Structures are given as structure tokens and as C-alpha cells.
Amino acid sequence: MRKLWIWLGMPVYIVVFSFLYKHQLGSIGFFLLSLLFFKLAKNKHSKITGKEKENFYFEEKLNKP
């Protein structure tokens, strides 16, 4: 399902970006692109649950000399 959204979303984004670039609003396109990447990065890091994060940090403290 994620690949489907990517394949459907990229052409839409390219069309919107080209329209903005044509009307010299490329900075808005770059802003939208940065929001997209931040959203993807946030989703990747948020897959870890709170309990797993607590265990990870607790184990890190135990392993430090």
C-alpha cells in the first residue's frame, strides 16, 4: 500500500512542483518537499513503541562503564 501511495503521489507532486516553478514559486515547492521528507523521517522513527525506547535507553545506561 505504501508503494502505491508513492507511485500515485510522486506524479502529483511533480505536477504541482512544476506549476510552482513555472510561476516562480519554487521556494514553496522546496518547502513542501522538506515537509514530506520530515514526515517520512518521523514515521520511520515513530515505529518504535515507548516501552522499547525505555528499554533501549536503560540498556545503554547499563552498558556504559
Protein backbone atom coordinates (compact mmCIF):
# COMPACT_ATOMS: atom_id res chain seq x y z
CA MET A 1 0.00 0.00 0.00
CA ARG A 2 2.88 2.35 0.79
CA LYS A 3 4.43 1.81 -2.66
CA LEU A 4 1.06 2.56 -4.23
CA TRP A 5 0.91 5.91 -2.42
CA ILE A 6 4.46 6.68 -3.55
CA TRP A 7 3.68 5.84 -7.18
CA LEU A 8 0.48 7.91 -7.08
CA GLY A 9 1.92 10.77 -5.05
CA MET A 10 5.13 11.40 -6.97
CA PRO A 11 3.47 12.36 -10.30
CA VAL A 12 1.06 14.63 -8.44
CA TYR A 13 3.95 16.24 -6.58
CA ILE A 14 5.95 16.67 -9.80
CA VAL A 15 3.00 18.39 -11.49
CA VAL A 16 2.47 20.71 -8.52
CA PHE A 17 6.20 21.44 -8.25
CA SER A 18 6.48 22.20 -11.99
CA PHE A 19 3.46 24.53 -11.76
CA LEU A 20 5.02 26.38 -8.82
CA TYR A 21 8.38 26.55 -10.58
CA LYS A 22 6.74 27.88 -13.75
CA HIS A 23 5.21 30.72 -11.77
CA GLN A 24 8.49 31.36 -9.91
CA LEU A 25 7.26 29.94 -6.63
CA GLY A 26 9.92 27.26 -6.40
CA SER A 27 10.67 28.06 -2.76
CA ILE A 28 7.17 26.90 -1.83
CA GLY A 29 7.85 23.64 -3.67
CA PHE A 30 11.09 23.10 -1.76
CA PHE A 31 9.25 23.83 1.48
CA LEU A 32 6.61 21.22 0.63
CA LEU A 33 9.33 18.73 -0.29
CA SER A 34 11.09 19.30 3.04
CA LEU A 35 7.79 18.74 4.88
CA LEU A 36 7.36 15.47 3.01
CA PHE A 37 10.83 14.26 3.99
CA PHE A 38 10.36 15.27 7.63
CA LYS A 39 7.05 13.40 7.71
CA LEU A 40 8.68 10.28 6.26
CA ALA A 41 11.55 10.51 8.74
CA LYS A 42 9.16 10.97 11.64
CA ASN A 43 7.12 7.94 10.58
CA LYS A 44 10.26 5.81 10.39
CA HIS A 45 11.39 6.77 13.90
CA SER A 46 7.94 6.57 15.46
CA LYS A 47 7.57 2.85 14.72
CA ILE A 48 9.39 2.08 17.99
CA THR A 49 6.96 1.95 20.90
CA GLY A 50 7.50 3.87 24.12
CA LYS A 51 8.37 0.74 26.09
CA GLU A 52 11.01 -0.28 23.52
CA LYS A 53 12.55 3.20 23.76
CA GLU A 54 12.68 2.96 27.55
CA ASN A 55 14.36 -0.44 27.38
CA PHE A 56 16.86 0.81 24.80
CA TYR A 57 17.91 3.81 26.90
CA PHE A 58 18.01 1.74 30.08
CA GLU A 59 20.28 -0.85 28.44
CA GLU A 60 22.51 1.96 27.13
CA LYS A 61 22.98 3.29 30.68
CA LEU A 62 23.81 -0.19 31.97
CA ASN A 63 26.40 -0.81 29.26
CA LYS A 64 28.32 2.41 29.90
CA PRO A 65 31.41 1.93 32.08
